[in-house]
Amino acid sequence: MKKLILKTALITFWTAVACGAVLLLILDLAAPKFMMDFTGSLGMKSVSANYAYDEYERSGDPAYLARAFLILENNGEDKKALVRWEELYESEGFGAYCETGAPEGEDLPAYSYRDYLTGCAARLKYRLSGSSAAGKTAALTFALSETKPTFPQGNPVIALSAEAMKKEDGAFLGEIYGALSDPIFERNAEYTRLMKQLEGYVHA
C-alpha cells in the first residue's frame, strides 16, 4: 500500500513538473513580453533583456528594443548593450519613437527621453573606450552631436561628464571643458553648473 502511495505521489510530482515545463516553453515561444516582465521581477536582468529583444522581433515595437538596451546598459553588459543601441539608433523609427516619450510605468527621468537614451549611449561608449583617447573623443563627439544648443537639463554631455567624473578622468574632462567653450551653447544655469564642476578638474 505504501509503495502504491509513493508511486502515485512520484507520478503526480513528475507530471506537474512536465506540465510546468511545457507551460514555460509555450510562454517562452508565444509570450516573450510576459516572460520579460516575469524574469525582470525575479531580478534576472540579462534574461529579461533577451525576452525584451524577442518581443521587439515579434512586434517590431522599438520600445522593447530600447528596454533591452537600457536593461543591459544599467546591468553593466556594455558590449551587448552597444549592439542593441546601434540597432535602435539606426532604426528608421528612432526619432519618432523618442518623441512619444518614456514608456508608461518606467522609472525614468522626466527630461527629454531622447536625451536620456543618447546620454546612456554616450556613457556606454566612454566605458567601452577604456584607455583609448580616440574612443573617448568619439564618445564626446557623439554626445555633442546629440546635445541641443539650448543645453537642456539631462543632456548627453552632462551624462558623459558625470561618468568621467566617477573615474576622475581629468584629461578627458578637460577635453569636454574645451569643447563646451563653443559659443553655440546657451550659457544657462545647466551650462554654468557643469562648467564650474569641470573647472575643478581642469585646474586641479
N, C-alpha and C. Protein backbone atom coordinates (compact mmCIF):
# COMPACT_ATOMS: atom_id res chain seq x y z
N MET A 1 0.83 -1.21 0.00
CA MET A 1 0.00 0.00 0.00
C MET A 1 0.87 1.27 0.00
N LYS A 2 1.92 1.24 0.86
CA LYS A 2 2.81 2.40 0.94
C LYS A 2 3.53 2.61 -0.38
N LYS A 3 3.94 1.51 -1.02
CA LYS A 3 4.63 1.61 -2.31
C LYS A 3 3.72 2.21 -3.37
N LEU A 4 2.44 1.85 -3.32
CA LEU A 4 1.47 2.38 -4.27
C LEU A 4 1.28 3.88 -4.08
N ILE A 5 1.20 4.29 -2.80
CA ILE A 5 1.03 5.72 -2.49
C ILE A 5 2.25 6.51 -2.95
N LEU A 6 3.45 5.95 -2.67
CA LEU A 6 4.69 6.62 -3.07
C LEU A 6 4.78 6.72 -4.59
N LYS A 7 4.43 5.64 -5.27
CA LYS A 7 4.48 5.62 -6.72
C LYS A 7 3.51 6.65 -7.31
N THR A 8 2.31 6.74 -6.72
CA THR A 8 1.30 7.70 -7.17
C THR A 8 1.78 9.13 -6.97
N ALA A 9 2.42 9.37 -5.80
CA ALA A 9 2.93 10.71 -5.49
C ALA A 9 4.02 11.11 -6.46
N LEU A 10 4.91 10.17 -6.77
CA LEU A 10 6.00 10.46 -7.71
C LEU A 10 5.47 10.75 -9.10
N ILE A 11 4.49 9.98 -9.52
CA ILE A 11 3.88 10.21 -10.83
C ILE A 11 3.23 11.59 -10.89
N THR A 12 2.51 11.93 -9.81
CA THR A 12 1.86 13.25 -9.74
C THR A 12 2.88 14.37 -9.79
N PHE A 13 3.99 14.20 -9.04
CA PHE A 13 5.05 15.22 -8.99
C PHE A 13 5.67 15.44 -10.36
N TRP A 14 6.07 14.36 -11.00
CA TRP A 14 6.74 14.48 -12.30
C TRP A 14 5.78 14.94 -13.40
N THR A 15 4.51 14.63 -13.25
CA THR A 15 3.51 15.14 -14.19
C THR A 15 3.38 16.65 -14.06
N ALA A 16 3.38 17.12 -12.78
CA ALA A 16 3.30 18.57 -12.54
C ALA A 16 4.54 19.28 -13.09
N VAL A 17 5.71 18.67 -12.91
CA VAL A 17 6.96 19.25 -13.42
C VAL A 17 6.91 19.33 -14.94
N ALA A 18 6.45 18.26 -15.57
CA ALA A 18 6.37 18.22 -17.03
C ALA A 18 5.39 19.26 -17.55
N CYS A 19 4.25 19.39 -16.88
CA CYS A 19 3.25 20.38 -17.30
C CYS A 19 3.81 21.80 -17.15
N GLY A 20 4.54 22.01 -16.04
CA GLY A 20 5.15 23.33 -15.82
C GLY A 20 6.17 23.64 -16.89
N ALA A 21 6.97 22.64 -17.26
CA ALA A 21 7.99 22.85 -18.29
C ALA A 21 7.35 23.16 -19.63
N VAL A 22 6.27 22.44 -19.95
CA VAL A 22 5.56 22.68 -21.21
C VAL A 22 4.96 24.09 -21.22
N LEU A 23 4.39 24.50 -20.07
CA LEU A 23 3.80 25.83 -19.97
C LEU A 23 4.86 26.90 -20.18
N LEU A 24 6.02 26.73 -19.54
CA LEU A 24 7.10 27.71 -19.70
C LEU A 24 7.59 27.76 -21.15
N LEU A 25 7.65 26.60 -21.79
CA LEU A 25 8.07 26.55 -23.19
C LEU A 25 7.08 27.30 -24.08
N ILE A 26 5.80 27.12 -23.80
CA ILE A 26 4.77 27.81 -24.58
C ILE A 26 4.89 29.31 -24.39
N LEU A 27 5.05 29.73 -23.12
CA LEU A 27 5.18 31.15 -22.83
C LEU A 27 6.45 31.72 -23.44
N ASP A 28 7.51 30.93 -23.41
CA ASP A 28 8.79 31.36 -23.98
C ASP A 28 8.65 31.66 -25.47
N LEU A 29 7.90 30.83 -26.15
CA LEU A 29 7.75 30.97 -27.60
C LEU A 29 6.66 31.97 -27.98
N ALA A 30 5.57 31.97 -27.22
CA ALA A 30 4.40 32.74 -27.63
C ALA A 30 4.22 34.05 -26.87
N ALA A 31 4.82 34.19 -25.70
CA ALA A 31 4.58 35.38 -24.89
C ALA A 31 5.86 35.94 -24.30
N PRO A 32 6.79 36.42 -25.17
CA PRO A 32 8.04 36.97 -24.64
C PRO A 32 7.84 38.18 -23.75
N LYS A 33 6.76 38.97 -23.98
CA LYS A 33 6.51 40.13 -23.13
C LYS A 33 6.22 39.69 -21.70
N PHE A 34 5.39 38.65 -21.56
CA PHE A 34 5.11 38.13 -20.22
C PHE A 34 6.39 37.63 -19.56
N MET A 35 7.19 36.89 -20.31
CA MET A 35 8.43 36.35 -19.77
C MET A 35 9.43 37.46 -19.45
N MET A 36 9.41 38.53 -20.23
CA MET A 36 10.26 39.69 -19.96
C MET A 36 9.92 40.28 -18.59
N ASP A 37 8.63 40.50 -18.35
CA ASP A 37 8.20 41.06 -17.06
C ASP A 37 8.44 40.07 -15.92
N PHE A 38 8.17 38.81 -16.19
CA PHE A 38 8.31 37.78 -15.14
C PHE A 38 9.76 37.63 -14.71
N THR A 39 10.66 37.48 -15.67
CA THR A 39 12.08 37.31 -15.32
C THR A 39 12.65 38.59 -14.72
N GLY A 40 12.16 39.74 -15.19
CA GLY A 40 12.60 41.00 -14.62
C GLY A 40 12.21 41.13 -13.16
N SER A 41 11.00 40.67 -12.81
CA SER A 41 10.54 40.74 -11.43
C SER A 41 11.34 39.82 -10.52
N LEU A 42 11.98 38.81 -11.12
CA LEU A 42 12.82 37.88 -10.35
C LEU A 42 14.27 38.35 -10.27
N GLY A 43 14.54 39.51 -10.86
CA GLY A 43 15.90 40.04 -10.84
C GLY A 43 16.81 39.43 -11.89
N MET A 44 16.25 38.71 -12.83
CA MET A 44 17.05 38.08 -13.90
C MET A 44 17.17 39.07 -15.05
N LYS A 45 18.00 40.09 -14.85
CA LYS A 45 18.07 41.23 -15.77
C LYS A 45 18.48 40.83 -17.18
N SER A 46 19.54 40.08 -17.30
CA SER A 46 20.03 39.71 -18.62
C SER A 46 19.00 38.88 -19.39
N VAL A 47 18.35 37.97 -18.70
CA VAL A 47 17.32 37.14 -19.33
C VAL A 47 16.14 38.01 -19.74
N SER A 48 15.77 38.95 -18.88
CA SER A 48 14.67 39.86 -19.19
C SER A 48 14.98 40.70 -20.44
N ALA A 49 16.24 41.11 -20.56
CA ALA A 49 16.65 41.88 -21.75
C ALA A 49 16.52 41.03 -23.02
N ASN A 50 16.85 39.76 -22.91
CA ASN A 50 16.72 38.85 -24.06
C ASN A 50 15.26 38.72 -24.48
N TYR A 51 14.38 38.61 -23.50
CA TYR A 51 12.96 38.49 -23.83
C TYR A 51 12.42 39.80 -24.40
N ALA A 52 12.94 40.94 -23.92
CA ALA A 52 12.54 42.22 -24.48
C ALA A 52 12.91 42.29 -25.96
N TYR A 53 14.09 41.79 -26.27
CA TYR A 53 14.51 41.79 -27.68
C TYR A 53 13.66 40.82 -28.50
N ASP A 54 13.33 39.67 -27.92
CA ASP A 54 12.45 38.72 -28.61
C ASP A 54 11.10 39.37 -28.92
N GLU A 55 10.59 40.15 -27.96
CA GLU A 55 9.31 40.82 -28.17
C GLU A 55 9.43 41.88 -29.26
N TYR A 56 10.58 42.55 -29.31
CA TYR A 56 10.82 43.53 -30.37
C TYR A 56 10.80 42.84 -31.74
N GLU A 57 11.46 41.70 -31.83
CA GLU A 57 11.49 40.96 -33.10
C GLU A 57 10.09 40.48 -33.49
N ARG A 58 9.28 40.15 -32.48
CA ARG A 58 7.93 39.66 -32.75
C ARG A 58 7.01 40.79 -33.17
N SER A 59 7.07 41.94 -32.45
CA SER A 59 6.11 43.01 -32.65
C SER A 59 6.64 44.17 -33.51
N GLY A 60 7.97 44.32 -33.55
CA GLY A 60 8.54 45.46 -34.27
C GLY A 60 8.46 46.76 -33.50
N ASP A 61 8.00 46.71 -32.25
CA ASP A 61 7.85 47.91 -31.43
C ASP A 61 9.21 48.31 -30.85
N PRO A 62 9.74 49.49 -31.21
CA PRO A 62 11.06 49.90 -30.72
C PRO A 62 11.14 50.08 -29.21
N ALA A 63 10.01 50.19 -28.55
CA ALA A 63 10.02 50.32 -27.09
C ALA A 63 10.71 49.13 -26.44
N TYR A 64 10.54 47.95 -27.02
CA TYR A 64 11.14 46.75 -26.45
C TYR A 64 12.63 46.67 -26.76
N LEU A 65 13.03 47.19 -27.90
CA LEU A 65 14.46 47.26 -28.22
C LEU A 65 15.14 48.25 -27.28
N ALA A 66 14.48 49.38 -27.03
CA ALA A 66 15.02 50.37 -26.09
C ALA A 66 15.11 49.77 -24.69
N ARG A 67 14.11 49.01 -24.31
CA ARG A 67 14.13 48.39 -22.98
C ARG A 67 15.28 47.39 -22.87
N ALA A 68 15.50 46.61 -23.91
CA ALA A 68 16.61 45.66 -23.90
C ALA A 68 17.93 46.40 -23.74
N PHE A 69 18.08 47.50 -24.47
CA PHE A 69 19.30 48.31 -24.37
C PHE A 69 19.50 48.85 -22.96
N LEU A 70 18.45 49.44 -22.40
CA LEU A 70 18.58 50.07 -21.08
C LEU A 70 18.86 49.06 -19.99
N ILE A 71 18.22 47.89 -20.06
CA ILE A 71 18.48 46.85 -19.06
C ILE A 71 19.94 46.43 -19.09
N LEU A 72 20.45 46.20 -20.29
CA LEU A 72 21.83 45.75 -20.43
C LEU A 72 22.82 46.84 -20.02
N GLU A 73 22.54 48.09 -20.40
CA GLU A 73 23.44 49.19 -20.05
C GLU A 73 23.48 49.40 -18.54
N ASN A 74 22.33 49.34 -17.91
CA ASN A 74 22.27 49.52 -16.45
C ASN A 74 22.82 48.32 -15.70
N ASN A 75 22.87 47.17 -16.38
CA ASN A 75 23.34 45.95 -15.74
C ASN A 75 24.83 45.71 -16.01
N GLY A 76 25.49 46.64 -16.69
CA GLY A 76 26.93 46.53 -16.93
C GLY A 76 27.32 45.60 -18.06
N GLU A 77 26.35 45.19 -18.88
CA GLU A 77 26.66 44.31 -20.02
C GLU A 77 26.91 45.19 -21.25
N ASP A 78 28.02 45.92 -21.20
CA ASP A 78 28.26 47.00 -22.14
C ASP A 78 28.37 46.56 -23.60
N LYS A 79 29.09 45.51 -23.87
CA LYS A 79 29.28 45.09 -25.27
C LYS A 79 27.96 44.68 -25.91
N LYS A 80 27.16 43.94 -25.18
CA LYS A 80 25.87 43.53 -25.70
C LYS A 80 24.93 44.72 -25.80
N ALA A 81 25.03 45.64 -24.84
CA ALA A 81 24.20 46.85 -24.87
C ALA A 81 24.52 47.69 -26.10
N LEU A 82 25.79 47.75 -26.48
CA LEU A 82 26.18 48.53 -27.65
C LEU A 82 25.53 47.98 -28.92
N VAL A 83 25.46 46.67 -29.04
CA VAL A 83 24.82 46.04 -30.21
C VAL A 83 23.35 46.45 -30.28
N ARG A 84 22.67 46.40 -29.13
CA ARG A 84 21.26 46.79 -29.10
C ARG A 84 21.10 48.28 -29.39
N TRP A 85 22.01 49.09 -28.84
CA TRP A 85 21.94 50.53 -29.07
C TRP A 85 22.08 50.86 -30.55
N GLU A 86 23.07 50.30 -31.18
CA GLU A 86 23.31 50.60 -32.60
C GLU A 86 22.10 50.22 -33.45
N GLU A 87 21.47 49.11 -33.12
CA GLU A 87 20.28 48.70 -33.87
C GLU A 87 19.15 49.69 -33.63
N LEU A 88 19.01 50.15 -32.39
CA LEU A 88 17.95 51.11 -32.06
C LEU A 88 18.20 52.45 -32.73
N TYR A 89 19.42 52.95 -32.60
CA TYR A 89 19.76 54.29 -33.11
C TYR A 89 19.67 54.37 -34.62
N GLU A 90 20.00 53.27 -35.28
CA GLU A 90 19.98 53.25 -36.74
C GLU A 90 18.62 52.86 -37.32
N SER A 91 17.68 52.53 -36.46
CA SER A 91 16.36 52.14 -36.95
C SER A 91 15.61 53.35 -37.50
N GLU A 92 14.80 53.11 -38.47
CA GLU A 92 14.09 54.20 -39.17
C GLU A 92 13.17 54.98 -38.24
N GLY A 93 12.59 54.31 -37.28
CA GLY A 93 11.62 54.98 -36.42
C GLY A 93 12.17 55.51 -35.11
N PHE A 94 13.49 55.59 -34.97
CA PHE A 94 14.07 56.01 -33.69
C PHE A 94 13.61 57.41 -33.28
N GLY A 95 13.71 58.37 -34.18
CA GLY A 95 13.33 59.75 -33.85
C GLY A 95 11.87 59.86 -33.45
N ALA A 96 11.00 59.22 -34.22
CA ALA A 96 9.56 59.27 -33.92
C ALA A 96 9.27 58.58 -32.59
N TYR A 97 9.97 57.47 -32.33
CA TYR A 97 9.77 56.77 -31.07
C TYR A 97 10.13 57.65 -29.89
N CYS A 98 11.26 58.36 -29.97
CA CYS A 98 11.70 59.23 -28.88
C CYS A 98 10.68 60.33 -28.60
N GLU A 99 9.99 60.78 -29.66
CA GLU A 99 9.01 61.84 -29.49
C GLU A 99 7.81 61.39 -28.66
N THR A 100 7.59 60.08 -28.60
CA THR A 100 6.43 59.58 -27.83
C THR A 100 6.69 59.68 -26.33
N GLY A 101 7.95 59.89 -25.95
CA GLY A 101 8.28 59.99 -24.54
C GLY A 101 8.56 58.64 -23.92
N ALA A 102 8.99 58.68 -22.64
CA ALA A 102 9.34 57.45 -21.93
C ALA A 102 8.13 56.54 -21.79
N PRO A 103 8.34 55.22 -21.89
CA PRO A 103 7.23 54.28 -21.73
C PRO A 103 6.54 54.45 -20.39
N GLU A 104 5.23 54.33 -20.40
CA GLU A 104 4.45 54.48 -19.17
C GLU A 104 4.85 53.42 -18.15
N GLY A 105 5.04 53.87 -16.92
CA GLY A 105 5.39 52.94 -15.84
C GLY A 105 6.87 52.73 -15.66
N GLU A 106 7.69 53.20 -16.62
CA GLU A 106 9.13 53.05 -16.49
C GLU A 106 9.68 54.11 -15.54
N ASP A 107 10.63 53.73 -14.71
CA ASP A 107 11.23 54.64 -13.74
C ASP A 107 12.37 55.40 -14.42
N LEU A 108 12.00 56.41 -15.22
CA LEU A 108 12.99 57.16 -15.99
C LEU A 108 12.86 58.64 -15.67
N PRO A 109 13.93 59.42 -15.90
CA PRO A 109 13.89 60.86 -15.62
C PRO A 109 12.81 61.58 -16.41
N ALA A 110 12.42 62.75 -15.92
CA ALA A 110 11.32 63.48 -16.55
C ALA A 110 11.77 64.29 -17.76
N TYR A 111 13.07 64.47 -17.95
CA TYR A 111 13.51 65.27 -19.10
C TYR A 111 13.45 64.47 -20.39
N SER A 112 13.90 65.10 -21.49
CA SER A 112 13.80 64.51 -22.83
C SER A 112 14.22 63.04 -22.88
N TYR A 113 13.33 62.21 -23.41
CA TYR A 113 13.62 60.77 -23.48
C TYR A 113 14.77 60.50 -24.44
N ARG A 114 14.83 61.27 -25.53
CA ARG A 114 15.95 61.09 -26.45
C ARG A 114 17.27 61.45 -25.75
N ASP A 115 17.26 62.53 -24.98
CA ASP A 115 18.46 62.91 -24.24
C ASP A 115 18.87 61.81 -23.27
N TYR A 116 17.87 61.19 -22.65
CA TYR A 116 18.17 60.11 -21.70
C TYR A 116 18.83 58.93 -22.41
N LEU A 117 18.23 58.51 -23.53
CA LEU A 117 18.76 57.36 -24.26
C LEU A 117 20.15 57.64 -24.82
N THR A 118 20.32 58.81 -25.44
CA THR A 118 21.63 59.14 -26.02
C THR A 118 22.67 59.40 -24.94
N GLY A 119 22.22 59.88 -23.78
CA GLY A 119 23.14 60.05 -22.65
C GLY A 119 23.65 58.70 -22.16
N CYS A 120 22.75 57.73 -22.07
CA CYS A 120 23.16 56.37 -21.69
C CYS A 120 24.14 55.81 -22.71
N ALA A 121 23.88 56.07 -23.99
CA ALA A 121 24.76 55.58 -25.05
C ALA A 121 26.13 56.24 -24.98
N ALA A 122 26.17 57.53 -24.67
CA ALA A 122 27.45 58.25 -24.55
C ALA A 122 28.28 57.67 -23.40
N ARG A 123 27.62 57.41 -22.28
CA ARG A 123 28.31 56.79 -21.14
C ARG A 123 28.85 55.42 -21.53
N LEU A 124 28.03 54.68 -22.24
CA LEU A 124 28.41 53.34 -22.68
C LEU A 124 29.64 53.39 -23.58
N LYS A 125 29.62 54.29 -24.55
CA LYS A 125 30.74 54.43 -25.48
C LYS A 125 32.02 54.82 -24.73
N TYR A 126 31.89 55.67 -23.74
CA TYR A 126 33.04 56.09 -22.95
C TYR A 126 33.62 54.91 -22.17
N ARG A 127 32.75 54.14 -21.54
CA ARG A 127 33.24 52.99 -20.76
C ARG A 127 33.94 51.98 -21.66
N LEU A 128 33.36 51.75 -22.83
CA LEU A 128 33.95 50.77 -23.74
C LEU A 128 35.25 51.25 -24.36
N SER A 129 35.49 52.56 -24.34
CA SER A 129 36.71 53.10 -24.93
C SER A 129 37.95 52.74 -24.12
N GLY A 130 37.75 52.40 -22.83
CA GLY A 130 38.88 52.04 -21.98
C GLY A 130 39.87 53.19 -21.88
N SER A 131 41.10 52.94 -22.22
CA SER A 131 42.14 53.97 -22.15
C SER A 131 42.38 54.63 -23.51
N SER A 132 41.56 54.31 -24.48
CA SER A 132 41.73 54.86 -25.84
C SER A 132 41.27 56.31 -25.90
N ALA A 133 42.22 57.22 -26.17
CA ALA A 133 41.87 58.64 -26.29
C ALA A 133 40.94 58.86 -27.47
N ALA A 134 41.18 58.14 -28.56
CA ALA A 134 40.33 58.27 -29.74
C ALA A 134 38.90 57.81 -29.46
N GLY A 135 38.80 56.73 -28.68
CA GLY A 135 37.47 56.22 -28.32
C GLY A 135 36.72 57.20 -27.45
N LYS A 136 37.42 57.84 -26.53
CA LYS A 136 36.78 58.84 -25.67
C LYS A 136 36.33 60.05 -26.47
N THR A 137 37.18 60.47 -27.39
CA THR A 137 36.83 61.60 -28.24
C THR A 137 35.60 61.28 -29.08
N ALA A 138 35.51 60.04 -29.56
CA ALA A 138 34.35 59.62 -30.34
C ALA A 138 33.08 59.68 -29.49
N ALA A 139 33.19 59.28 -28.22
CA ALA A 139 32.04 59.35 -27.31
C ALA A 139 31.62 60.80 -27.10
N LEU A 140 32.60 61.70 -26.97
CA LEU A 140 32.29 63.12 -26.79
C LEU A 140 31.66 63.70 -28.05
N THR A 141 32.20 63.35 -29.20
CA THR A 141 31.65 63.84 -30.47
C THR A 141 30.19 63.44 -30.61
N PHE A 142 29.90 62.19 -30.24
CA PHE A 142 28.52 61.71 -30.28
C PHE A 142 27.64 62.51 -29.32
N ALA A 143 28.11 62.71 -28.09
CA ALA A 143 27.33 63.43 -27.09
C ALA A 143 27.06 64.87 -27.53
N LEU A 144 28.07 65.50 -28.10
CA LEU A 144 27.91 66.88 -28.57
C LEU A 144 26.90 66.96 -29.71
N SER A 145 26.93 65.96 -30.59
CA SER A 145 26.02 65.96 -31.74
C SER A 145 24.57 65.80 -31.31
N GLU A 146 24.36 65.20 -30.13
CA GLU A 146 23.01 64.95 -29.65
C GLU A 146 22.56 65.97 -28.59
N THR A 147 23.42 66.96 -28.30
CA THR A 147 23.09 67.96 -27.29
C THR A 147 22.62 69.25 -27.98
N LYS A 148 21.42 69.66 -27.64
CA LYS A 148 20.85 70.86 -28.28
C LYS A 148 21.60 72.12 -27.84
N PRO A 149 21.66 73.13 -28.69
CA PRO A 149 22.32 74.39 -28.33
C PRO A 149 21.74 75.04 -27.07
N THR A 150 20.47 74.73 -26.77
CA THR A 150 19.85 75.29 -25.56
C THR A 150 20.39 74.67 -24.28
N PHE A 151 21.19 73.64 -24.40
CA PHE A 151 21.82 72.93 -23.29
C PHE A 151 20.80 72.59 -22.19
N PRO A 152 19.84 71.74 -22.54
CA PRO A 152 18.77 71.40 -21.58
C PRO A 152 19.23 70.49 -20.45
N GLN A 153 18.41 70.39 -19.46
CA GLN A 153 18.67 69.51 -18.32
C GLN A 153 18.82 68.07 -18.80
N GLY A 154 19.79 67.35 -18.22
CA GLY A 154 19.95 65.93 -18.51
C GLY A 154 20.43 65.62 -19.91
N ASN A 155 21.10 66.57 -20.56
CA ASN A 155 21.55 66.31 -21.92
C ASN A 155 22.73 65.32 -21.95
N PRO A 156 23.06 64.75 -23.11
CA PRO A 156 24.11 63.73 -23.20
C PRO A 156 25.49 64.17 -22.72
N VAL A 157 25.85 65.44 -22.91
CA VAL A 157 27.16 65.90 -22.44
C VAL A 157 27.22 65.88 -20.92
N ILE A 158 26.13 66.23 -20.27
CA ILE A 158 26.07 66.16 -18.81
C ILE A 158 26.22 64.72 -18.35
N ALA A 159 25.52 63.79 -19.01
CA ALA A 159 25.61 62.37 -18.65
C ALA A 159 27.03 61.85 -18.84
N LEU A 160 27.65 62.22 -19.94
CA LEU A 160 29.02 61.77 -20.22
C LEU A 160 30.00 62.35 -19.20
N SER A 161 29.83 63.61 -18.87
CA SER A 161 30.71 64.26 -17.89
C SER A 161 30.60 63.58 -16.53
N ALA A 162 29.38 63.24 -16.13
CA ALA A 162 29.18 62.56 -14.84
C ALA A 162 29.90 61.22 -14.81
N GLU A 163 29.87 60.51 -15.93
CA GLU A 163 30.55 59.21 -16.00
C GLU A 163 32.07 59.39 -15.88
N ALA A 164 32.60 60.40 -16.55
CA ALA A 164 34.04 60.66 -16.50
C ALA A 164 34.46 61.15 -15.11
N MET A 165 33.58 61.88 -14.45
CA MET A 165 33.88 62.36 -13.09
C MET A 165 33.98 61.20 -12.11
N LYS A 166 33.17 60.17 -12.33
CA LYS A 166 33.24 58.98 -11.47
C LYS A 166 34.64 58.38 -11.50
N LYS A 167 35.26 58.43 -12.67
CA LYS A 167 36.59 57.85 -12.83
C LYS A 167 37.70 58.89 -12.63
N GLU A 168 37.28 60.13 -12.30
CA GLU A 168 38.23 61.22 -12.10
C GLU A 168 39.21 61.31 -13.27
N ASP A 169 38.63 61.25 -14.46
CA ASP A 169 39.40 61.28 -15.70
C ASP A 169 39.68 62.74 -16.09
N GLY A 170 40.65 63.36 -15.41
CA GLY A 170 40.92 64.77 -15.58
C GLY A 170 41.23 65.18 -17.00
N ALA A 171 42.02 64.39 -17.70
CA ALA A 171 42.40 64.73 -19.07
C ALA A 171 41.17 64.79 -19.98
N PHE A 172 40.30 63.82 -19.85
CA PHE A 172 39.11 63.80 -20.69
C PHE A 172 38.13 64.90 -20.28
N LEU A 173 38.01 65.15 -18.99
CA LEU A 173 37.13 66.23 -18.52
C LEU A 173 37.62 67.58 -19.05
N GLY A 174 38.95 67.72 -19.18
CA GLY A 174 39.49 68.92 -19.79
C GLY A 174 39.10 69.04 -21.25
N GLU A 175 39.04 67.90 -21.92
CA GLU A 175 38.61 67.88 -23.32
C GLU A 175 37.15 68.31 -23.44
N ILE A 176 36.32 67.83 -22.52
CA ILE A 176 34.91 68.22 -22.52
C ILE A 176 34.79 69.73 -22.27
N TYR A 177 35.56 70.21 -21.31
CA TYR A 177 35.56 71.63 -20.96
C TYR A 177 35.89 72.48 -22.18
N GLY A 178 36.91 72.07 -22.91
CA GLY A 178 37.30 72.81 -24.11
C GLY A 178 36.22 72.80 -25.17
N ALA A 179 35.58 71.64 -25.34
CA ALA A 179 34.54 71.52 -26.36
C ALA A 179 33.33 72.40 -26.03
N LEU A 180 33.06 72.55 -24.74
CA LEU A 180 31.90 73.34 -24.32
C LEU A 180 32.14 74.85 -24.41
N SER A 181 33.36 75.24 -24.74
CA SER A 181 33.65 76.66 -24.94
C SER A 181 33.05 77.16 -26.24
N ASP A 182 32.58 76.25 -27.06
CA ASP A 182 31.94 76.60 -28.33
C ASP A 182 30.75 77.54 -28.05
N PRO A 183 30.72 78.70 -28.69
CA PRO A 183 29.64 79.67 -28.43
C PRO A 183 28.25 79.20 -28.85
N ILE A 184 28.18 78.04 -29.50
CA ILE A 184 26.87 77.54 -29.93
C ILE A 184 25.96 77.24 -28.74
N PHE A 185 26.57 76.92 -27.58
CA PHE A 185 25.76 76.52 -26.43
C PHE A 185 25.30 77.72 -25.60
N GLU A 186 24.04 77.67 -25.22
CA GLU A 186 23.46 78.71 -24.38
C GLU A 186 24.09 78.68 -22.99
N ARG A 187 24.46 79.84 -22.49
CA ARG A 187 25.10 79.94 -21.17
C ARG A 187 24.03 80.01 -20.08
N ASN A 188 23.28 78.95 -19.95
CA ASN A 188 22.21 78.92 -18.95
C ASN A 188 22.70 78.29 -17.64
N ALA A 189 21.78 78.05 -16.71
CA ALA A 189 22.14 77.53 -15.40
C ALA A 189 22.78 76.14 -15.50
N GLU A 190 22.25 75.29 -16.38
CA GLU A 190 22.79 73.94 -16.53
C GLU A 190 24.22 73.99 -17.06
N TYR A 191 24.43 74.85 -18.04
CA TYR A 191 25.76 75.02 -18.64
C TYR A 191 26.75 75.54 -17.60
N THR A 192 26.35 76.59 -16.88
CA THR A 192 27.24 77.21 -15.89
C THR A 192 27.60 76.23 -14.78
N ARG A 193 26.61 75.46 -14.34
CA ARG A 193 26.85 74.48 -13.26
C ARG A 193 27.87 73.43 -13.70
N LEU A 194 27.70 72.91 -14.91
CA LEU A 194 28.62 71.88 -15.39
C LEU A 194 30.03 72.46 -15.59
N MET A 195 30.12 73.64 -16.15
CA MET A 195 31.44 74.24 -16.39
C MET A 195 32.19 74.47 -15.09
N LYS A 196 31.48 74.86 -14.04
CA LYS A 196 32.13 75.05 -12.74
C LYS A 196 32.65 73.72 -12.20
N GLN A 197 31.87 72.67 -12.39
CA GLN A 197 32.32 71.34 -11.95
C GLN A 197 33.56 70.91 -12.73
N LEU A 198 33.54 71.15 -14.03
CA LEU A 198 34.66 70.76 -14.87
C LEU A 198 35.93 71.56 -14.54
N GLU A 199 35.75 72.81 -14.19
CA GLU A 199 36.89 73.65 -13.84
C GLU A 199 37.68 73.07 -12.67
N GLY A 200 36.95 72.44 -11.75
CA GLY A 200 37.61 71.84 -10.59
C GLY A 200 38.59 70.75 -10.98
N TYR A 201 38.32 70.06 -12.10
CA TYR A 201 39.23 69.01 -12.59
C TYR A 201 40.30 69.59 -13.50
N VAL A 202 39.90 70.58 -14.31
CA VAL A 202 40.84 71.17 -15.25
C VAL A 202 41.96 71.91 -14.54
N HIS A 203 41.61 72.62 -13.45
CA HIS A 203 42.59 73.45 -12.76
C HIS A 203 43.12 72.79 -11.48
N ALA A 204 42.87 71.48 -11.34
CA ALA A 204 43.30 70.78 -10.12
C ALA A 204 44.82 70.66 -10.09
